[in-house]
Protein backbone atom coordinates (compact mmCIF):
# COMPACT_ATOMS: atom_id res chain seq x y z
CA UNK A 1 0.00 0.00 0.00
CA UNK A 2 1.08 3.52 -0.81
CA UNK A 3 0.91 4.92 2.75
CA UNK A 4 3.08 2.12 4.11
CA UNK A 5 5.60 2.54 1.29
CA UNK A 6 5.81 6.28 2.03
CA UNK A 7 6.29 5.63 5.75
CA UNK A 8 9.02 3.06 5.09
CA UNK A 9 10.78 5.40 2.67
CA UNK A 10 10.64 8.16 5.30
CA UNK A 11 12.32 5.83 7.81
CA UNK A 12 15.03 5.12 5.25
CA UNK A 13 15.53 8.84 4.67
CA UNK A 14 16.40 9.24 8.36
CA UNK A 15 19.48 7.00 8.19
CA UNK A 16 22.64 8.98 8.67
CA UNK A 17 25.97 7.96 10.12
CA UNK A 18 26.74 4.27 10.25
CA UNK A 19 23.54 3.35 8.38
CA UNK A 20 21.46 3.89 11.52
CA UNK A 21 18.23 5.83 11.92
CA UNK A 22 18.97 9.08 13.76
CA UNK A 23 16.89 11.54 15.74
CA UNK A 24 18.66 14.89 15.64
CA UNK A 25 16.77 16.59 18.50
CA UNK A 26 19.11 18.53 20.76
CA UNK A 27 16.63 19.78 23.36
CA UNK A 28 15.65 18.03 26.56
CA UNK A 29 12.48 16.41 27.90
CA UNK A 30 9.68 16.57 25.30
CA UNK A 31 12.04 18.25 22.80
CA UNK A 32 15.00 15.94 23.15
CA UNK A 33 13.86 12.42 23.97
CA UNK A 34 13.30 10.00 21.13
CA UNK A 35 11.22 7.14 22.39
CA UNK A 36 8.77 6.23 25.06
CA UNK A 37 10.17 8.10 28.10
CA UNK A 38 9.64 11.75 27.15
CA UNK A 39 8.82 13.06 30.62
CA UNK A 40 12.26 13.47 32.17
CA UNK A 41 13.15 17.08 32.87
CA UNK A 42 16.67 18.06 31.76
CA UNK A 43 17.28 14.70 30.02
CA UNK A 44 18.16 14.03 26.39
CA UNK A 45 18.00 10.71 24.56
CA UNK A 46 18.59 11.38 20.91
CA UNK A 47 20.87 10.30 18.09
CA UNK A 48 20.82 6.63 17.15
CA UNK A 49 18.78 4.91 19.86
CA UNK A 50 18.60 1.15 20.05
CA UNK A 51 14.85 1.41 20.70
CA UNK A 52 13.97 3.39 17.57
CA UNK A 53 16.37 1.50 15.34
CA UNK A 54 14.86 -1.81 16.48
CA UNK A 55 11.35 -0.50 15.85
CA UNK A 56 12.36 0.81 12.43
CA UNK A 57 13.86 -2.56 11.53
CA UNK A 58 10.56 -4.24 12.43
CA UNK A 59 8.57 -1.65 10.46
CA UNK A 60 10.67 -2.13 7.33
CA UNK A 61 10.39 -5.91 7.63
CA UNK A 62 6.61 -5.63 8.08
CA UNK A 63 6.25 -3.45 4.98
CA UNK A 64 8.35 -5.95 3.05
CA UNK A 65 6.09 -8.77 4.27
CA UNK A 66 2.94 -6.82 3.38
CA UNK A 67 4.28 -6.20 -0.12
CA UNK A 68 5.04 -9.92 -0.52
CA UNK A 69 1.48 -10.85 0.49
CA UNK A 70 0.15 -8.29 -2.01
CA UNK A 71 2.46 -9.79 -4.69
CA UNK A 72 4.40 -6.54 -5.06
CA UNK A 73 7.64 -8.45 -5.32
CA UNK A 74 9.97 -5.57 -6.18
CA UNK A 75 8.77 -3.63 -3.11
CA UNK A 76 8.98 -6.74 -0.98
CA UNK A 77 12.55 -7.46 -2.00
CA UNK A 78 13.57 -3.82 -1.54
CA UNK A 79 12.12 -3.28 1.94
CA UNK A 80 13.15 -6.69 3.26
CA UNK A 81 16.66 -5.97 1.99
CA UNK A 82 16.71 -2.55 3.65
CA UNK A 83 15.44 -4.10 6.88
CA UNK A 84 18.29 -6.63 6.78
CA UNK A 85 20.81 -3.84 6.13
CA UNK A 86 19.49 -1.85 9.12
CA UNK A 87 19.64 -4.95 11.34
CA UNK A 88 23.27 -5.46 10.34
CA UNK A 89 24.09 -1.82 11.14
CA UNK A 90 22.38 -2.09 14.54
CA UNK A 91 24.32 -5.22 15.41
CA UNK A 92 27.57 -3.74 14.17
CA UNK A 93 27.38 -0.30 15.77
CA UNK A 94 24.96 -0.43 18.70
CA UNK A 95 26.41 -3.40 20.62
CA UNK A 96 28.85 -2.67 23.39
CA UNK A 97 31.76 -5.10 22.82
CA UNK A 98 32.65 -4.97 26.52
CA UNK A 99 29.29 -6.27 27.75
CA UNK A 100 27.68 -7.88 24.72
CA UNK A 101 24.60 -5.72 25.40
CA UNK A 102 23.22 -2.93 23.26
CA UNK A 103 24.05 0.69 23.93
CA UNK A 104 21.15 2.86 25.01
CA UNK A 105 22.16 5.13 22.14
CA UNK A 106 24.91 6.90 20.29
CA UNK A 107 24.16 10.53 21.06
CA UNK A 108 24.27 13.33 18.50
CA UNK A 109 27.69 14.27 19.86
CA UNK A 110 28.97 10.71 19.16
CA UNK A 111 29.01 9.53 22.79
CA UNK A 112 28.01 5.89 23.20
CA UNK A 113 25.76 5.60 26.25
CA UNK A 114 26.14 2.29 28.03
CA UNK A 115 23.25 2.69 30.50
CA UNK A 116 21.65 -0.68 31.20
CA UNK A 117 17.93 -0.01 31.11
CA UNK A 118 14.73 -1.82 30.24
CA UNK A 119 15.23 -0.51 26.66
CA UNK A 120 17.25 -3.68 26.13
CA UNK A 121 13.93 -5.47 25.48
CA UNK A 122 13.48 -3.76 22.10
CA UNK A 123 16.12 -5.62 20.07
CA UNK A 124 14.76 -8.87 21.54
CA UNK A 125 11.09 -8.02 20.93
CA UNK A 126 11.66 -6.96 17.34
CA UNK A 127 14.06 -9.72 16.26
CA UNK A 128 17.23 -7.66 15.99
CA UNK A 129 19.20 -9.63 18.60
CA UNK A 130 20.39 -13.12 17.76
CA UNK A 131 19.47 -15.93 20.17
CA UNK A 132 22.67 -15.69 22.23
CA UNK A 133 22.42 -11.92 22.66
CA UNK A 134 18.70 -12.14 23.42
CA UNK A 135 19.38 -14.71 26.14
CA UNK A 136 22.07 -12.42 27.63
CA UNK A 137 19.60 -9.51 27.67
CA UNK A 138 16.79 -11.50 29.30
CA UNK A 139 19.25 -12.80 31.88
CA UNK A 140 20.55 -9.27 32.64
CA UNK A 141 17.04 -7.84 33.03
CA UNK A 142 15.97 -10.76 35.24
CA UNK A 143 18.21 -9.81 38.17
CA UNK A 144 16.61 -8.78 41.45
CA UNK A 145 17.50 -5.03 41.33
CA UNK A 146 15.27 -4.66 38.24
CA UNK A 147 12.20 -6.20 39.87
CA UNK A 148 9.48 -5.26 42.33
CA UNK A 149 6.24 -7.00 43.23
CA UNK A 150 4.54 -4.67 40.73
CA UNK A 151 6.83 -5.53 37.78
CA UNK A 152 10.12 -4.59 36.18
CA UNK A 153 11.80 -1.26 36.89
CA UNK A 154 12.90 0.98 34.04
CA UNK A 155 16.41 0.93 35.54
CA UNK A 156 17.95 -1.20 38.27
CA UNK A 157 17.36 0.01 41.81
CA UNK A 158 21.12 0.23 42.39
CA UNK A 159 22.00 2.15 39.20
CA UNK A 160 24.37 4.97 40.19
CA UNK A 161 22.90 7.40 37.65
CA UNK A 162 19.42 7.36 39.17
CA UNK A 163 18.14 8.36 42.57
CA UNK A 164 15.75 10.79 44.25
CA UNK A 165 18.41 13.42 44.94
CA UNK A 166 20.87 13.09 42.03
CA UNK A 167 21.02 12.20 38.38
CA UNK A 168 17.62 12.95 36.93
CA UNK A 169 15.73 12.41 40.19
CA UNK A 170 14.39 9.02 39.14
CA UNK A 171 13.99 5.89 41.16
CA UNK A 172 13.62 3.53 38.22
CA UNK A 173 9.86 3.56 38.05
CA UNK A 174 7.66 0.59 37.26
CA UNK A 175 5.63 0.95 34.05
CA UNK A 176 2.99 -1.62 33.15
CA UNK A 177 3.96 -1.44 29.48
CA UNK A 178 7.59 -2.23 30.24
CA UNK A 179 6.61 -5.33 32.21
CA UNK A 180 4.53 -6.51 29.25
CA UNK A 181 7.40 -5.78 26.85
CA UNK A 182 9.73 -7.85 29.02
CA UNK A 183 7.25 -10.73 29.23
CA UNK A 184 6.84 -10.69 25.45
CA UNK A 185 10.59 -10.59 24.90
CA UNK A 186 11.21 -13.33 27.47
CA UNK A 187 8.54 -15.68 26.09
CA UNK A 188 11.03 -17.76 24.08
CA UNK A 189 13.14 -18.29 27.19
CA UNK A 190 10.42 -18.57 29.85
CA UNK A 191 6.92 -19.21 28.41
CA UNK A 192 5.47 -19.64 31.92
CA UNK A 193 6.56 -16.11 32.86
CA UNK A 194 4.94 -14.76 29.70
CA UNK A 195 1.65 -16.43 30.62
């Protein structure tokens, strides 16, 4: 369909350095956070985020699949190929070689942010991570400091960058959506937890 083709082409137009999709916002809070957590005063999460790149990979793959079902084979081949290229770029440039986990992002100033947050679920949920990396992510997010009786925290309770009086004043809140994302991502490793 035309609308989906236009959306996929727009995603592709946003690839800059390293073949990754970039958000170039340089503000903070609502004007500088690319992704789901846009309510943090004084915080910026921009550049090439693992979250948005994983979502863009899945979107391109979905458009390629839709085109195949509609027998638009040239479009199918093109968008599935572009999805594969983006996945390769994500796995080449957004994985921290020291931990084997994905970076939170590469910021607009080129800094690779190594924060370990619940955002690690995105490459698992959307099929960017291979099985070994996905298992490492699920294992890392399954540790006690990430969990409460109400669900998974956005960051581990003992993360030095977060606290009520320093950092961004966060305690690593529990979001229902994040717990669902984790359950969905963990389903291949722990189907009982998913249920």
